Each structure stands twice: as structure tokens, then as C-alpha cells.
């Protein structure tokens, strides 16, 4: 769930042609219906919500999007990331960890 809202971010399997695996669905759990979707050029592997933004891991990049207007804030290039590894720290400074484009680095 997204914060304390009834919004859930879902990655479809792609088995249903209406819901491609290259999309992230914004599902309203109160209305029990999708309320939006974001499409990418490759399959979305994982999604992580952090405060007022969310991150979508793709095969070779991480997209950071704002919740306010659902727009890509930045794209971080990664090494091939088939498991969609990503982490966020909420300490004194906001920090995102994801595989570095050069193998063996974060």
C-alpha cells in the first residue's frame, strides 16, 4: 500500500493482454478497480514506495517517480537486474541502493 492511502502499486504478470508486464497498475483497494497505470519500455520487475515517490526496477534501470503527478523524476542506470533489487534508507539523508552499472559495485 502507498503510505496510509488505499492505493496499491501492482506489476501485472503479462498473461492478460490488457495488463502488460511493462506496466505498473495503480489499484484503489476501496473502489476495487485500477485508477491509473504507468507504462515503460521494458518489463517492470519490482516496485518500492518511499515517502512521496516510488521506484520501479526495470531490467537495466531504476525509474524514480513522484506520487504527486506520477512523472519520472530521474532514471538510474543499473547493471542487468533480473530480480529488481533495490533498497531505500530513510536516515538523515535519503539514499537509494541498486546494482551499479559496473559489476560488483552498488
C-alpha atoms as a PDB file:
ATOM      1  CA  UNK A   1       0.000   0.000   0.000  1.00  0.00           C
ATOM      2  CA  UNK A   2       1.075   3.554  -0.594  1.00  0.00           C
ATOM      3  CA  UNK A   3       1.532   5.200   2.780  1.00  0.00           C
ATOM      4  CA  UNK A   4      -1.782   5.330   4.626  1.00  0.00           C
ATOM      5  CA  UNK A   5      -3.878   5.514   1.470  1.00  0.00           C
ATOM      6  CA  UNK A   6      -5.947   2.828  -0.192  1.00  0.00           C
ATOM      7  CA  UNK A   7      -3.676   2.901  -3.268  1.00  0.00           C
ATOM      8  CA  UNK A   8      -1.701  -0.252  -4.110  1.00  0.00           C
ATOM      9  CA  UNK A   9       1.019  -0.437  -6.793  1.00  0.00           C
ATOM     10  CA  UNK A  10       0.852  -3.694  -8.777  1.00  0.00           C
ATOM     11  CA  UNK A  11       3.001  -5.238 -11.504  1.00  0.00           C
ATOM     12  CA  UNK A  12       0.897  -7.482 -13.785  1.00  0.00           C
ATOM     13  CA  UNK A  13       2.248 -10.836 -14.972  1.00  0.00           C
ATOM     14  CA  UNK A  14       1.566 -10.004 -18.613  1.00  0.00           C
ATOM     15  CA  UNK A  15      -0.601 -13.098 -19.106  1.00  0.00           C
ATOM     16  CA  UNK A  16      -3.664 -10.910 -19.721  1.00  0.00           C
ATOM     17  CA  UNK A  17      -3.097  -8.792 -22.877  1.00  0.00           C
ATOM     18  CA  UNK A  18      -4.942  -5.904 -21.222  1.00  0.00           C
ATOM     19  CA  UNK A  19      -2.304  -5.766 -18.456  1.00  0.00           C
ATOM     20  CA  UNK A  20       1.208  -5.949 -19.885  1.00  0.00           C
ATOM     21  CA  UNK A  21       4.199  -6.724 -17.626  1.00  0.00           C
ATOM     22  CA  UNK A  22       5.717  -3.420 -18.779  1.00  0.00           C
ATOM     23  CA  UNK A  23       3.086  -1.514 -16.770  1.00  0.00           C
ATOM     24  CA  UNK A  24       2.578  -0.647 -13.128  1.00  0.00           C
ATOM     25  CA  UNK A  25      -1.083  -0.506 -12.137  1.00  0.00           C
ATOM     26  CA  UNK A  26      -2.359   1.894  -9.508  1.00  0.00           C
ATOM     27  CA  UNK A  27      -5.128  -0.061  -7.770  1.00  0.00           C
ATOM     28  CA  UNK A  28      -7.686   1.571  -5.490  1.00  0.00           C
ATOM     29  CA  UNK A  29      -8.431  -1.016  -2.800  1.00  0.00           C
ATOM     30  CA  UNK A  30     -11.551   0.852  -1.665  1.00  0.00           C
ATOM     31  CA  UNK A  31     -13.090   1.038  -5.155  1.00  0.00           C
ATOM     32  CA  UNK A  32     -11.632  -2.380  -6.121  1.00  0.00           C
ATOM     33  CA  UNK A  33     -10.589  -1.089  -9.521  1.00  0.00           C
ATOM     34  CA  UNK A  34      -7.486   0.235 -11.295  1.00  0.00           C
ATOM     35  CA  UNK A  35      -7.302   4.048 -11.173  1.00  0.00           C
ATOM     36  CA  UNK A  36      -4.235   4.504 -13.353  1.00  0.00           C
ATOM     37  CA  UNK A  37      -1.255   2.889 -14.990  1.00  0.00           C
ATOM     38  CA  UNK A  38       2.298   3.771 -15.934  1.00  0.00           C
ATOM     39  CA  UNK A  39       3.885   2.167 -18.999  1.00  0.00           C
ATOM     40  CA  UNK A  40       7.596   1.505 -19.501  1.00  0.00           C
ATOM     41  CA  UNK A  41       9.673   0.354 -22.478  1.00  0.00           C
ATOM     42  CA  UNK A  42      10.601  -2.923 -20.746  1.00  0.00           C
ATOM     43  CA  UNK A  43       9.012  -5.173 -18.137  1.00  0.00           C
ATOM     44  CA  UNK A  44       8.692  -3.809 -14.608  1.00  0.00           C
ATOM     45  CA  UNK A  45      10.361  -6.219 -12.186  1.00  0.00           C
ATOM     46  CA  UNK A  46       9.762  -4.674  -8.775  1.00  0.00           C
ATOM     47  CA  UNK A  47       8.244  -1.565  -7.249  1.00  0.00           C
ATOM     48  CA  UNK A  48       9.095   0.131  -3.962  1.00  0.00           C
ATOM     49  CA  UNK A  49       7.265   3.005  -2.305  1.00  0.00           C
ATOM     50  CA  UNK A  50       9.213   5.606  -0.332  1.00  0.00           C
ATOM     51  CA  UNK A  51       7.531   8.651   1.239  1.00  0.00           C
ATOM     52  CA  UNK A  52       6.320  10.825  -1.674  1.00  0.00           C
ATOM     53  CA  UNK A  53       7.887   8.817  -4.502  1.00  0.00           C
ATOM     54  CA  UNK A  54       8.148   5.285  -5.754  1.00  0.00           C
ATOM     55  CA  UNK A  55      10.821   3.374  -7.629  1.00  0.00           C
ATOM     56  CA  UNK A  56      10.267   0.873 -10.424  1.00  0.00           C
ATOM     57  CA  UNK A  57      13.100  -1.518 -11.234  1.00  0.00           C
ATOM     58  CA  UNK A  58      13.421  -2.444 -14.894  1.00  0.00           C
ATOM     59  CA  UNK A  59      15.957  -4.872 -16.384  1.00  0.00           C
ATOM     60  CA  UNK A  60      18.766  -2.286 -16.703  1.00  0.00           C
ATOM     61  CA  UNK A  61      17.475   0.824 -14.921  1.00  0.00           C
ATOM     62  CA  UNK A  62      15.588   2.174 -11.942  1.00  0.00           C
ATOM     63  CA  UNK A  63      12.884   4.790 -12.525  1.00  0.00           C
ATOM     64  CA  UNK A  64      12.084   7.177  -9.668  1.00  0.00           C
ATOM     65  CA  UNK A  65       8.607   8.668  -9.954  1.00  0.00           C
ATOM     66  CA  UNK A  66       6.780  11.285  -7.905  1.00  0.00           C
ATOM     67  CA  UNK A  67       3.450  10.300  -6.334  1.00  0.00           C
ATOM     68  CA  UNK A  68       2.048  13.820  -6.747  1.00  0.00           C
ATOM     69  CA  UNK A  69       1.918  13.824 -10.542  1.00  0.00           C
ATOM     70  CA  UNK A  70       3.139  10.290 -11.415  1.00  0.00           C
ATOM     71  CA  UNK A  71       6.048  11.552 -13.519  1.00  0.00           C
ATOM     72  CA  UNK A  72       9.578  10.201 -13.846  1.00  0.00           C
ATOM     73  CA  UNK A  73      11.825  12.316 -11.632  1.00  0.00           C
ATOM     74  CA  UNK A  74      15.049  10.516 -12.559  1.00  0.00           C
ATOM     75  CA  UNK A  75      16.344   7.350 -14.191  1.00  0.00           C
ATOM     76  CA  UNK A  76      19.295   5.485 -12.672  1.00  0.00           C
ATOM     77  CA  UNK A  77      21.224   3.130 -14.957  1.00  0.00           C
ATOM     78  CA  UNK A  78      21.955  -0.261 -13.410  1.00  0.00           C
ATOM     79  CA  UNK A  79      23.662  -3.474 -14.356  1.00  0.00           C
ATOM     80  CA  UNK A  80      21.327  -6.241 -15.534  1.00  0.00           C
ATOM     81  CA  UNK A  81      18.995  -6.614 -12.549  1.00  0.00           C
ATOM     82  CA  UNK A  82      16.693  -9.615 -13.208  1.00  0.00           C
ATOM     83  CA  UNK A  83      15.440  -9.723  -9.593  1.00  0.00           C
ATOM     84  CA  UNK A  84      14.713  -5.988  -9.388  1.00  0.00           C
ATOM     85  CA  UNK A  85      16.966  -5.437  -6.379  1.00  0.00           C
ATOM     86  CA  UNK A  86      16.597  -2.025  -4.754  1.00  0.00           C
ATOM     87  CA  UNK A  87      16.569  -0.562  -1.254  1.00  0.00           C
ATOM     88  CA  UNK A  88      15.850   2.804   0.332  1.00  0.00           C
ATOM     89  CA  UNK A  89      17.255   4.360   3.524  1.00  0.00           C
ATOM     90  CA  UNK A  90      15.226   6.914   5.451  1.00  0.00           C
ATOM     91  CA  UNK A  91      18.019   8.078   7.770  1.00  0.00           C
ATOM     92  CA  UNK A  92      19.287  11.668   7.945  1.00  0.00           C
ATOM     93  CA  UNK A  93      19.676  11.619   4.166  1.00  0.00           C
ATOM     94  CA  UNK A  94      17.522   9.859   1.605  1.00  0.00           C
ATOM     95  CA  UNK A  95      19.555   7.118  -0.116  1.00  0.00           C
ATOM     96  CA  UNK A  96      18.691   4.569  -2.832  1.00  0.00           C
ATOM     97  CA  UNK A  97      20.777   1.409  -3.285  1.00  0.00           C
ATOM     98  CA  UNK A  98      20.651  -0.542  -6.529  1.00  0.00           C
ATOM     99  CA  UNK A  99      23.181  -2.534  -8.597  1.00  0.00           C
ATOM    100  CA  UNK A 100      25.808  -0.249 -10.192  1.00  0.00           C
ATOM    101  CA  UNK A 101      26.244  -0.365 -13.993  1.00  0.00           C
ATOM    102  CA  UNK A 102      29.733  -1.783 -13.322  1.00  0.00           C
ATOM    103  CA  UNK A 103      29.526  -5.337 -11.966  1.00  0.00           C
ATOM    104  CA  UNK A 104      30.466  -5.680  -8.291  1.00  0.00           C
ATOM    105  CA  UNK A 105      29.502  -2.147  -7.225  1.00  0.00           C
ATOM    106  CA  UNK A 106      26.394  -0.679  -5.570  1.00  0.00           C
END
